[in-house]
């Protein structure tokens, strides 16, 4: 039987931008590009048979936001809590339920 879990996940990422102090003659060259760190703490719903499975699904999920240029560097799964049994769900429905927008912090 599937169970619903809530997993608390910390994401680390980065994006690339041109250094604002770049000399005008070098703009657009890529020579003055810098990495800017981004992070996000999210809570995701996971359907799994066990807490260990829920943790693995949360860790392996591809946290990709198509509206963002942030590249994901690391995923850390913290607390995983059991919420309720899901007797009407099929075993094929395991995994992370879409967490929606990530709204990165820069």
N, C-alpha and C. Protein backbone atom coordinates (compact mmCIF):
# COMPACT_ATOMS: atom_id res chain seq x y z
N UNK A 1 0.84 -1.18 0.00
CA UNK A 1 0.00 0.00 0.00
C UNK A 1 0.89 1.25 0.00
N UNK A 2 0.48 2.21 -0.81
CA UNK A 2 1.24 3.45 -0.85
C UNK A 2 0.90 4.33 0.35
N UNK A 3 1.89 5.13 0.72
CA UNK A 3 1.74 6.08 1.81
C UNK A 3 2.18 7.45 1.31
N UNK A 4 1.59 8.46 1.92
CA UNK A 4 1.96 9.84 1.58
C UNK A 4 2.96 10.33 2.63
N UNK A 5 4.08 10.87 2.15
CA UNK A 5 5.11 11.45 3.01
C UNK A 5 5.34 12.90 2.59
N UNK A 6 5.81 13.69 3.52
CA UNK A 6 6.29 15.04 3.20
C UNK A 6 7.78 15.05 3.47
N UNK A 7 8.56 15.47 2.48
CA UNK A 7 10.01 15.51 2.61
C UNK A 7 10.47 16.95 2.55
N UNK A 8 11.36 17.31 3.46
CA UNK A 8 11.94 18.65 3.49
C UNK A 8 13.28 18.59 2.78
N UNK A 9 13.41 19.38 1.71
CA UNK A 9 14.55 19.28 0.81
C UNK A 9 15.24 20.64 0.70
N UNK A 10 16.58 20.61 0.75
CA UNK A 10 17.38 21.83 0.53
C UNK A 10 18.08 21.68 -0.82
N UNK A 11 17.94 22.69 -1.66
CA UNK A 11 18.56 22.69 -2.98
C UNK A 11 19.62 23.78 -3.05
N UNK A 12 20.78 23.46 -3.61
CA UNK A 12 21.83 24.43 -3.89
C UNK A 12 22.03 24.47 -5.39
N UNK A 13 22.19 25.67 -5.92
CA UNK A 13 22.41 25.82 -7.35
C UNK A 13 23.20 27.08 -7.64
N UNK A 14 23.29 27.41 -8.90
CA UNK A 14 23.98 28.62 -9.31
C UNK A 14 23.48 29.04 -10.69
N UNK A 15 23.73 30.30 -11.02
CA UNK A 15 23.49 30.77 -12.37
C UNK A 15 24.66 31.68 -12.75
N UNK A 16 24.80 31.92 -14.03
CA UNK A 16 25.92 32.71 -14.53
C UNK A 16 25.39 34.05 -15.03
N UNK A 17 26.09 35.11 -14.66
CA UNK A 17 25.74 36.44 -15.15
C UNK A 17 27.02 37.22 -15.44
N UNK A 18 26.88 38.28 -16.19
CA UNK A 18 28.03 39.12 -16.48
C UNK A 18 28.28 40.05 -15.29
N UNK A 19 29.53 40.14 -14.88
CA UNK A 19 29.93 41.02 -13.77
C UNK A 19 29.53 42.45 -14.11
N UNK A 20 28.79 43.12 -13.21
CA UNK A 20 28.38 44.50 -13.49
C UNK A 20 29.56 45.46 -13.66
N UNK A 21 30.74 45.07 -13.18
CA UNK A 21 31.93 45.93 -13.32
C UNK A 21 32.71 45.62 -14.59
N UNK A 22 32.13 44.83 -15.47
CA UNK A 22 32.79 44.47 -16.73
C UNK A 22 33.02 45.73 -17.58
N UNK A 23 34.26 45.92 -18.07
CA UNK A 23 34.51 47.07 -18.96
C UNK A 23 33.63 46.98 -20.21
N UNK A 24 33.15 48.09 -20.68
CA UNK A 24 32.19 48.10 -21.79
C UNK A 24 32.74 47.41 -23.03
N UNK A 25 34.04 47.51 -23.26
CA UNK A 25 34.60 46.87 -24.47
C UNK A 25 34.63 45.33 -24.38
N UNK A 26 34.41 44.78 -23.17
CA UNK A 26 34.40 43.33 -22.98
C UNK A 26 32.99 42.77 -22.82
N UNK A 27 31.97 43.61 -22.82
CA UNK A 27 30.59 43.14 -22.63
C UNK A 27 30.21 42.13 -23.70
N UNK A 28 29.62 41.04 -23.25
CA UNK A 28 29.18 39.99 -24.16
C UNK A 28 30.25 38.99 -24.53
N UNK A 29 31.48 39.19 -24.07
CA UNK A 29 32.57 38.28 -24.44
C UNK A 29 32.58 37.01 -23.60
N UNK A 30 31.97 37.06 -22.43
CA UNK A 30 32.00 35.92 -21.53
C UNK A 30 33.21 35.92 -20.61
N UNK A 31 34.15 36.82 -20.85
CA UNK A 31 35.37 36.87 -20.04
C UNK A 31 35.10 37.34 -18.61
N UNK A 32 34.04 38.09 -18.41
CA UNK A 32 33.73 38.63 -17.08
C UNK A 32 32.49 37.99 -16.48
N UNK A 33 32.17 36.77 -16.92
CA UNK A 33 31.02 36.06 -16.35
C UNK A 33 31.35 35.59 -14.94
N UNK A 34 30.38 35.65 -14.05
CA UNK A 34 30.56 35.19 -12.67
C UNK A 34 29.43 34.22 -12.31
N UNK A 35 29.73 33.31 -11.38
CA UNK A 35 28.73 32.40 -10.83
C UNK A 35 28.06 33.05 -9.63
N UNK A 36 26.75 32.98 -9.59
CA UNK A 36 25.99 33.51 -8.46
C UNK A 36 25.27 32.33 -7.81
N UNK A 37 25.46 32.19 -6.51
CA UNK A 37 24.84 31.08 -5.77
C UNK A 37 23.35 31.31 -5.60
N UNK A 38 22.62 30.20 -5.58
CA UNK A 38 21.18 30.23 -5.33
C UNK A 38 20.85 29.05 -4.42
N UNK A 39 19.81 29.21 -3.61
CA UNK A 39 19.41 28.12 -2.72
C UNK A 39 17.91 28.16 -2.53
N UNK A 40 17.37 27.03 -2.10
CA UNK A 40 15.93 26.94 -1.88
C UNK A 40 15.64 25.80 -0.92
N UNK A 41 14.79 26.06 0.04
CA UNK A 41 14.27 25.03 0.92
C UNK A 41 12.82 24.80 0.53
N UNK A 42 12.49 23.56 0.23
CA UNK A 42 11.12 23.25 -0.20
C UNK A 42 10.60 22.03 0.56
N UNK A 43 9.31 21.89 0.52
CA UNK A 43 8.63 20.74 1.09
C UNK A 43 7.93 20.05 -0.08
N UNK A 44 8.21 18.76 -0.29
CA UNK A 44 7.60 18.05 -1.40
C UNK A 44 6.79 16.86 -0.89
N UNK A 45 5.73 16.60 -1.61
CA UNK A 45 4.89 15.44 -1.31
C UNK A 45 5.46 14.24 -2.07
N UNK A 46 5.61 13.14 -1.36
CA UNK A 46 6.17 11.94 -1.97
C UNK A 46 5.24 10.77 -1.67
N UNK A 47 4.94 9.98 -2.69
CA UNK A 47 4.16 8.76 -2.50
C UNK A 47 5.11 7.59 -2.60
N UNK A 48 5.14 6.76 -1.57
CA UNK A 48 6.05 5.62 -1.54
C UNK A 48 5.49 4.56 -0.58
N UNK A 49 6.12 3.39 -0.61
CA UNK A 49 5.69 2.33 0.30
C UNK A 49 6.37 2.43 1.66
N UNK A 50 7.59 3.01 1.68
CA UNK A 50 8.33 3.15 2.94
C UNK A 50 8.97 4.52 3.03
N UNK A 51 9.40 4.87 4.22
CA UNK A 51 10.09 6.15 4.41
C UNK A 51 11.41 6.17 3.66
N UNK A 52 12.13 5.05 3.65
CA UNK A 52 13.40 4.98 2.90
C UNK A 52 13.19 5.22 1.41
N UNK A 53 12.13 4.63 0.87
CA UNK A 53 11.82 4.85 -0.55
C UNK A 53 11.48 6.32 -0.79
N UNK A 54 10.71 6.91 0.11
CA UNK A 54 10.32 8.32 -0.04
C UNK A 54 11.56 9.21 -0.04
N UNK A 55 12.51 8.92 0.84
CA UNK A 55 13.76 9.68 0.90
C UNK A 55 14.52 9.55 -0.41
N UNK A 56 14.59 8.33 -0.95
CA UNK A 56 15.31 8.11 -2.21
C UNK A 56 14.63 8.84 -3.37
N UNK A 57 13.31 8.78 -3.44
CA UNK A 57 12.59 9.49 -4.52
C UNK A 57 12.82 11.00 -4.41
N UNK A 58 12.81 11.54 -3.19
CA UNK A 58 13.04 12.97 -3.00
C UNK A 58 14.46 13.35 -3.40
N UNK A 59 15.42 12.49 -3.11
CA UNK A 59 16.82 12.76 -3.44
C UNK A 59 17.07 12.67 -4.95
N UNK A 60 16.44 11.71 -5.61
CA UNK A 60 16.68 11.46 -7.03
C UNK A 60 15.82 12.30 -7.97
N UNK A 61 14.83 13.00 -7.45
CA UNK A 61 13.92 13.78 -8.29
C UNK A 61 14.69 14.88 -9.03
N UNK A 62 14.29 15.15 -10.27
CA UNK A 62 14.94 16.21 -11.06
C UNK A 62 14.21 17.53 -10.78
N UNK A 63 14.77 18.33 -9.92
CA UNK A 63 14.17 19.61 -9.54
C UNK A 63 14.53 20.65 -10.60
N UNK A 64 13.73 20.70 -11.64
CA UNK A 64 14.01 21.57 -12.78
C UNK A 64 12.84 22.52 -12.96
N UNK A 65 13.13 23.80 -12.99
CA UNK A 65 12.12 24.82 -13.24
C UNK A 65 12.44 25.45 -14.59
N UNK A 66 11.60 25.20 -15.58
CA UNK A 66 11.90 25.66 -16.94
C UNK A 66 11.92 27.18 -17.07
N UNK A 67 11.34 27.89 -16.10
CA UNK A 67 11.33 29.35 -16.17
C UNK A 67 12.58 29.96 -15.53
N UNK A 68 13.49 29.12 -15.07
CA UNK A 68 14.68 29.60 -14.35
C UNK A 68 15.95 29.17 -15.07
N UNK A 69 17.01 29.98 -14.91
CA UNK A 69 18.30 29.63 -15.48
C UNK A 69 19.23 29.03 -14.43
N UNK A 70 18.70 28.74 -13.26
CA UNK A 70 19.51 28.16 -12.19
C UNK A 70 19.83 26.70 -12.51
N UNK A 71 21.11 26.35 -12.38
CA UNK A 71 21.54 24.96 -12.54
C UNK A 71 21.67 24.34 -11.15
N UNK A 72 21.11 23.18 -10.98
CA UNK A 72 21.12 22.49 -9.70
C UNK A 72 22.50 21.88 -9.43
N UNK A 73 23.05 22.14 -8.24
CA UNK A 73 24.35 21.60 -7.86
C UNK A 73 24.25 20.48 -6.83
N UNK A 74 23.33 20.61 -5.87
CA UNK A 74 23.24 19.61 -4.80
C UNK A 74 21.83 19.56 -4.23
N UNK A 75 21.45 18.36 -3.80
CA UNK A 75 20.16 18.12 -3.16
C UNK A 75 20.42 17.45 -1.82
N UNK A 76 19.81 17.98 -0.78
CA UNK A 76 19.91 17.37 0.55
C UNK A 76 18.50 17.15 1.07
N UNK A 77 18.22 15.92 1.47
CA UNK A 77 16.91 15.59 2.02
C UNK A 77 17.03 15.55 3.53
N UNK A 78 16.20 16.37 4.19
CA UNK A 78 16.18 16.41 5.64
C UNK A 78 15.11 15.47 6.18
N UNK A 79 14.25 16.01 6.97
CA UNK A 79 13.17 15.25 7.61
C UNK A 79 12.19 14.71 6.58
N UNK A 80 11.78 13.46 6.75
CA UNK A 80 10.73 12.84 5.95
C UNK A 80 9.65 12.38 6.92
N UNK A 81 8.43 12.92 6.78
CA UNK A 81 7.34 12.60 7.70
C UNK A 81 6.24 11.81 7.01
N UNK A 82 5.74 10.79 7.70
CA UNK A 82 4.56 10.07 7.24
C UNK A 82 3.34 10.95 7.45
N UNK A 83 2.44 11.01 6.45
CA UNK A 83 1.24 11.82 6.56
C UNK A 83 0.00 10.95 6.65
N UNK A 84 -0.17 10.05 5.66
CA UNK A 84 -1.36 9.19 5.66
C UNK A 84 -1.18 8.03 4.68
N UNK A 85 -2.00 7.00 4.87
CA UNK A 85 -2.05 5.89 3.93
C UNK A 85 -2.85 6.31 2.70
N UNK A 86 -2.49 5.74 1.55
CA UNK A 86 -3.18 6.02 0.30
C UNK A 86 -3.71 4.70 -0.28
N UNK A 87 -4.77 4.15 0.30
CA UNK A 87 -5.25 2.83 -0.12
C UNK A 87 -5.79 2.78 -1.55
N UNK A 88 -6.20 3.91 -2.11
CA UNK A 88 -6.79 3.93 -3.45
C UNK A 88 -5.77 4.21 -4.55
N UNK A 89 -4.49 4.24 -4.22
CA UNK A 89 -3.46 4.54 -5.21
C UNK A 89 -2.75 3.26 -5.65
N UNK A 90 -2.33 3.25 -6.92
CA UNK A 90 -1.63 2.10 -7.48
C UNK A 90 -0.13 2.21 -7.22
N UNK A 91 0.58 1.09 -7.10
CA UNK A 91 2.02 1.12 -6.89
C UNK A 91 2.79 1.83 -8.00
N UNK A 92 2.22 1.96 -9.20
CA UNK A 92 2.89 2.65 -10.30
C UNK A 92 2.92 4.16 -10.09
N UNK A 93 2.20 4.67 -9.10
CA UNK A 93 2.12 6.11 -8.88
C UNK A 93 3.17 6.62 -7.88
N UNK A 94 4.17 5.81 -7.56
CA UNK A 94 5.19 6.22 -6.59
C UNK A 94 6.00 7.39 -7.13
N UNK A 95 6.57 8.17 -6.22
CA UNK A 95 7.47 9.25 -6.61
C UNK A 95 7.07 10.58 -6.00
N UNK A 96 7.79 11.61 -6.43
CA UNK A 96 7.55 12.97 -5.96
C UNK A 96 6.38 13.54 -6.76
N UNK A 97 5.45 14.13 -6.04
CA UNK A 97 4.36 14.83 -6.69
C UNK A 97 4.90 16.22 -7.04
N UNK A 98 4.63 16.69 -8.24
CA UNK A 98 5.23 17.93 -8.76
C UNK A 98 5.24 19.03 -7.70
N UNK A 99 6.45 19.51 -7.32
CA UNK A 99 6.52 20.53 -6.28
C UNK A 99 6.15 21.94 -6.74
N UNK A 100 5.89 22.14 -8.01
CA UNK A 100 5.52 23.46 -8.51
C UNK A 100 6.73 24.37 -8.66
N UNK A 101 6.52 25.66 -8.59
CA UNK A 101 7.60 26.63 -8.79
C UNK A 101 8.58 26.58 -7.64
N UNK A 102 9.85 26.73 -7.97
CA UNK A 102 10.89 26.65 -6.95
C UNK A 102 11.22 27.98 -6.30
N UNK A 103 11.08 29.10 -7.01
CA UNK A 103 11.37 30.42 -6.45
C UNK A 103 12.69 30.46 -5.71
N UNK A 104 13.77 30.37 -6.44
CA UNK A 104 15.11 30.36 -5.87
C UNK A 104 15.41 31.64 -5.10
N UNK A 105 16.24 31.55 -4.05
CA UNK A 105 16.72 32.72 -3.32
C UNK A 105 18.15 33.00 -3.79
N UNK A 106 18.41 34.25 -4.16
CA UNK A 106 19.72 34.62 -4.68
C UNK A 106 20.48 35.43 -3.65
